[in-house]
């Protein structure tokens, strides 16, 4: 009975059509943005870069690899952070890797990538992708229907180890980068397949301001009642 009540509290009560749409569209745009960063050849955020690099090293599709990693991280979340699990957590965990995988193929076949292009072309490609990624993250976060398993790590560490959130986020992201570097050093992947670069730095410093820029607009259509009551 308690399991049913917890399921209702986490998945049913907070759910509205607008919030669900925000989560679904948000993950779609996150996938498009991450695919664009990949194809710009300028680098992805640390977690996505690690999943892309290691999935290529293991010769496994990104969607399947990322889902496997997320399931492992979900076990940690189920033990220590069940209150952070919701509809959005499951959608992000199960679908995002596949969106990135298939969006990459589609974009590459229609627009192409940054191979052989100028630095300016790659930079513009990266910035447009970063803006699309930020739009998706804003939708996903404004809907507030749960935290992805990876994002929970820093939140859980903040609760249990009493360190500031930004420190814990740096720790988790740094671990992803070190994992990629170690894989390169042992010859498991090549540096060209590391998916690290200038875009990795830009995601660290620009995602926050860009997401905040979209939040006001997304709140208007995802949470109209909350905006009206202010």
Protein backbone atom coordinates (compact mmCIF):
# COMPACT_ATOMS: atom_id res chain seq x y z
CA UNK A 1 0.00 0.00 0.00
CA UNK A 2 2.85 2.39 0.84
CA UNK A 3 4.46 1.63 -2.52
CA UNK A 4 1.21 2.57 -4.28
CA UNK A 5 0.94 5.78 -2.26
CA UNK A 6 4.55 6.69 -3.04
CA UNK A 7 3.96 6.00 -6.75
CA UNK A 8 0.88 8.24 -6.69
CA UNK A 9 2.73 11.03 -4.88
CA UNK A 10 5.75 10.92 -7.21
CA UNK A 11 4.15 10.19 -10.58
CA UNK A 12 0.42 10.94 -10.57
CA UNK A 13 -0.30 13.95 -8.36
CA UNK A 14 2.34 16.30 -9.81
CA UNK A 15 1.54 15.31 -13.41
CA UNK A 16 -0.34 17.66 -15.74
CA UNK A 17 -0.60 17.61 -19.52
CA UNK A 18 1.53 20.76 -19.81
CA UNK A 19 4.23 19.41 -17.49
CA UNK A 20 4.32 16.09 -19.32
CA UNK A 21 4.63 17.93 -22.63
CA UNK A 22 7.39 20.07 -21.14
CA UNK A 23 9.33 16.94 -20.15
CA UNK A 24 8.86 15.25 -23.53
CA UNK A 25 9.66 18.33 -25.60
CA UNK A 26 12.48 19.21 -23.24
CA UNK A 27 14.19 15.87 -23.73
CA UNK A 28 13.65 16.12 -27.48
CA UNK A 29 15.40 19.49 -27.61
CA UNK A 30 18.13 18.32 -25.21
CA UNK A 31 18.76 15.43 -27.59
CA UNK A 32 18.86 17.74 -30.63
CA UNK A 33 21.23 20.12 -28.85
CA UNK A 34 23.54 17.34 -27.65
CA UNK A 35 23.59 15.88 -31.16
CA UNK A 36 24.51 19.28 -32.58
CA UNK A 37 27.35 19.68 -30.10
CA UNK A 38 28.62 16.27 -31.10
CA UNK A 39 28.49 17.09 -34.81
CA UNK A 40 30.09 20.51 -34.33
CA UNK A 41 33.21 18.58 -33.27
CA UNK A 42 33.69 21.12 -30.47
CA UNK A 43 32.88 18.85 -27.53
CA UNK A 44 29.92 17.91 -25.32
CA UNK A 45 29.16 18.24 -21.62
CA UNK A 46 31.19 15.76 -19.51
CA UNK A 47 28.45 13.17 -18.86
CA UNK A 48 27.20 13.04 -22.44
CA UNK A 49 30.78 13.04 -23.73
CA UNK A 50 31.63 10.07 -21.48
CA UNK A 51 28.60 8.13 -22.67
CA UNK A 52 29.35 8.89 -26.32
CA UNK A 53 33.04 8.01 -26.01
CA UNK A 54 32.59 4.78 -24.05
CA UNK A 55 29.64 3.58 -26.13
CA UNK A 56 31.87 3.91 -29.19
CA UNK A 57 34.67 2.10 -27.36
CA UNK A 58 32.36 -0.78 -26.47
CA UNK A 59 30.76 -0.69 -29.94
CA UNK A 60 27.31 -0.31 -28.41
CA UNK A 61 24.61 2.11 -29.53
CA UNK A 62 24.52 5.28 -27.45
CA UNK A 63 20.87 4.79 -26.49
CA UNK A 64 21.47 1.32 -25.09
CA UNK A 65 24.72 2.27 -23.36
CA UNK A 66 23.29 5.40 -21.73
CA UNK A 67 20.17 3.52 -20.61
CA UNK A 68 22.39 0.88 -18.97
CA UNK A 69 24.45 3.50 -17.12
CA UNK A 70 21.28 5.33 -16.05
CA UNK A 71 19.78 2.13 -14.64
CA UNK A 72 22.90 1.63 -12.52
CA UNK A 73 22.69 5.25 -11.31
CA UNK A 74 18.94 4.82 -10.70
CA UNK A 75 19.74 2.10 -8.15
CA UNK A 76 21.69 4.68 -6.16
CA UNK A 77 18.79 7.11 -6.51
CA UNK A 78 16.29 4.47 -5.36
CA UNK A 79 18.35 3.81 -2.23
CA UNK A 80 19.10 7.39 -1.17
CA UNK A 81 17.00 9.75 -3.27
CA UNK A 82 13.57 8.28 -3.99
CA UNK A 83 11.94 11.67 -3.45
CA UNK A 84 13.79 12.96 -6.52
CA UNK A 85 12.32 10.31 -8.83
CA UNK A 86 9.34 11.21 -11.00
CA UNK A 87 7.90 11.02 -14.50
CA UNK A 88 10.68 13.24 -15.83
CA UNK A 89 13.38 11.01 -14.33
CA UNK A 90 12.10 7.94 -16.16
CA UNK A 91 11.62 9.74 -19.49
CA UNK A 92 15.11 11.21 -19.33
CA UNK A 93 16.64 7.91 -18.27
CA UNK A 94 15.00 5.79 -20.96
CA UNK A 95 14.67 8.07 -23.98
CA UNK A 96 17.38 10.72 -24.07
CA UNK A 97 20.21 8.47 -25.23
CA UNK A 98 18.09 7.18 -28.11
CA UNK A 99 17.01 10.71 -29.08
CA UNK A 100 20.66 11.76 -29.28
CA UNK A 101 21.61 8.62 -31.21
CA UNK A 102 18.94 8.95 -33.91
CA UNK A 103 19.00 12.76 -34.03
CA UNK A 104 22.75 12.59 -34.72
CA UNK A 105 22.16 10.36 -37.74
CA UNK A 106 19.33 12.55 -39.03
CA UNK A 107 21.19 15.85 -38.61
CA UNK A 108 24.38 14.49 -40.12
CA UNK A 109 22.48 13.23 -43.17
CA UNK A 110 20.63 16.53 -43.65
CA UNK A 111 22.96 19.29 -42.45
CA UNK A 112 26.28 17.54 -42.04
CA UNK A 113 28.91 18.11 -39.37
CA UNK A 114 31.95 20.28 -38.80
CA UNK A 115 34.42 18.03 -40.58
CA UNK A 116 36.66 20.08 -42.86
CA UNK A 117 34.85 23.31 -41.95
CA UNK A 118 36.36 26.49 -40.56
CA UNK A 119 36.64 27.19 -36.85
CA UNK A 120 33.99 29.91 -37.21
CA UNK A 121 31.55 27.44 -38.80
CA UNK A 122 32.14 24.94 -35.98
CA UNK A 123 31.77 27.68 -33.37
CA UNK A 124 28.43 28.86 -34.78
CA UNK A 125 27.26 25.24 -35.04
CA UNK A 126 28.20 24.75 -31.39
CA UNK A 127 26.50 27.93 -30.16
CA UNK A 128 23.23 27.17 -31.96
CA UNK A 129 23.31 23.65 -30.52
CA UNK A 130 24.03 25.05 -27.05
CA UNK A 131 21.00 27.34 -27.28
CA UNK A 132 18.76 24.44 -28.36
CA UNK A 133 20.14 22.33 -25.50
CA UNK A 134 19.44 25.16 -23.05
CA UNK A 135 15.85 25.49 -24.28
CA UNK A 136 15.29 21.79 -23.67
CA UNK A 137 16.91 21.85 -20.23
CA UNK A 138 14.73 24.80 -19.27
CA UNK A 139 11.54 22.96 -20.27
CA UNK A 140 12.65 19.85 -18.40
CA UNK A 141 13.59 21.74 -15.24
CA UNK A 142 10.54 24.03 -15.21
CA UNK A 143 8.22 21.00 -15.45
CA UNK A 144 9.86 19.78 -12.21
CA UNK A 145 8.76 16.15 -12.54
CA UNK A 146 11.85 14.49 -11.15
CA UNK A 147 15.62 14.58 -11.48
CA UNK A 148 17.65 12.42 -13.85
CA UNK A 149 19.82 9.72 -12.20
CA UNK A 150 23.07 11.51 -13.10
CA UNK A 151 21.87 14.91 -11.91
CA UNK A 152 20.81 13.31 -8.63
CA UNK A 153 24.41 12.33 -7.83
CA UNK A 154 25.47 15.91 -7.04
CA UNK A 155 22.20 16.58 -5.19
CA UNK A 156 22.57 13.41 -3.12
CA UNK A 157 26.19 14.19 -2.30
CA UNK A 158 25.12 17.66 -1.17
CA UNK A 159 22.59 16.13 1.23
CA UNK A 160 24.81 13.40 2.63
CA UNK A 161 28.29 14.96 2.64
CA UNK A 162 27.32 18.58 3.40
CA UNK A 163 29.43 20.03 0.60
CA UNK A 164 28.11 22.87 -1.59
CA UNK A 165 26.18 21.68 -4.65
CA UNK A 166 28.53 23.32 -7.14
CA UNK A 167 31.50 21.47 -5.57
CA UNK A 168 29.74 18.13 -5.90
CA UNK A 169 28.74 18.92 -9.48
CA UNK A 170 32.36 19.70 -10.29
CA UNK A 171 33.35 16.37 -8.72
CA UNK A 172 30.89 14.32 -10.79
CA UNK A 173 31.70 16.15 -14.02
CA UNK A 174 35.44 15.89 -13.36
CA UNK A 175 35.08 12.15 -12.82
CA UNK A 176 33.47 11.86 -16.26
CA UNK A 177 36.33 13.80 -17.85
CA UNK A 178 38.97 11.72 -16.05
CA UNK A 179 37.21 8.54 -17.15
CA UNK A 180 37.47 9.69 -20.77
CA UNK A 181 41.13 10.70 -20.39
CA UNK A 182 41.96 7.35 -18.76
CA UNK A 183 40.21 5.53 -21.63
CA UNK A 184 42.34 7.50 -24.10
CA UNK A 185 45.57 6.78 -22.19
CA UNK A 186 44.99 3.03 -22.16
CA UNK A 187 44.10 3.07 -25.85
CA UNK A 188 40.44 2.09 -25.39
CA UNK A 189 39.35 5.14 -27.40
CA UNK A 190 41.21 7.77 -29.41
CA UNK A 191 41.34 11.44 -28.43
CA UNK A 192 39.37 12.29 -31.58
CA UNK A 193 36.53 10.19 -30.15
CA UNK A 194 36.70 11.72 -26.68
CA UNK A 195 33.97 14.32 -27.42
CA UNK A 196 35.81 16.79 -25.20
CA UNK A 197 36.73 20.27 -26.37
CA UNK A 198 35.76 23.91 -26.27
CA UNK A 199 32.09 22.93 -26.16
CA UNK A 200 32.74 21.14 -22.86
CA UNK A 201 33.95 24.42 -21.37
CA UNK A 202 31.03 26.37 -22.87
CA UNK A 203 28.47 23.98 -21.38
CA UNK A 204 30.05 24.49 -17.96
CA UNK A 205 29.84 28.29 -18.05
CA UNK A 206 27.01 29.12 -20.48
CA UNK A 207 24.27 26.57 -19.83
CA UNK A 208 23.16 28.25 -16.60
CA UNK A 209 22.64 31.74 -18.08
CA UNK A 210 21.04 30.35 -21.25
CA UNK A 211 18.65 28.10 -19.31
CA UNK A 212 17.71 31.02 -17.07
CA UNK A 213 17.00 33.08 -20.18
CA UNK A 214 14.37 30.56 -21.33
CA UNK A 215 12.85 29.87 -17.91
CA UNK A 216 10.49 32.86 -17.83
CA UNK A 217 8.95 31.98 -21.21
CA UNK A 218 8.65 28.28 -20.39
CA UNK A 219 6.98 28.98 -17.05
CA UNK A 220 4.25 30.87 -18.88
CA UNK A 221 3.04 27.84 -20.82
CA UNK A 222 4.13 24.96 -18.57
CA UNK A 223 3.03 26.55 -15.26
CA UNK A 224 0.39 29.13 -16.28
CA UNK A 225 -1.46 28.94 -12.95
CA UNK A 226 1.71 29.64 -10.96
CA UNK A 227 2.57 32.61 -13.19
CA UNK A 228 -0.97 34.01 -12.97
CA UNK A 229 -1.06 33.75 -9.18
CA UNK A 230 2.04 35.91 -8.76
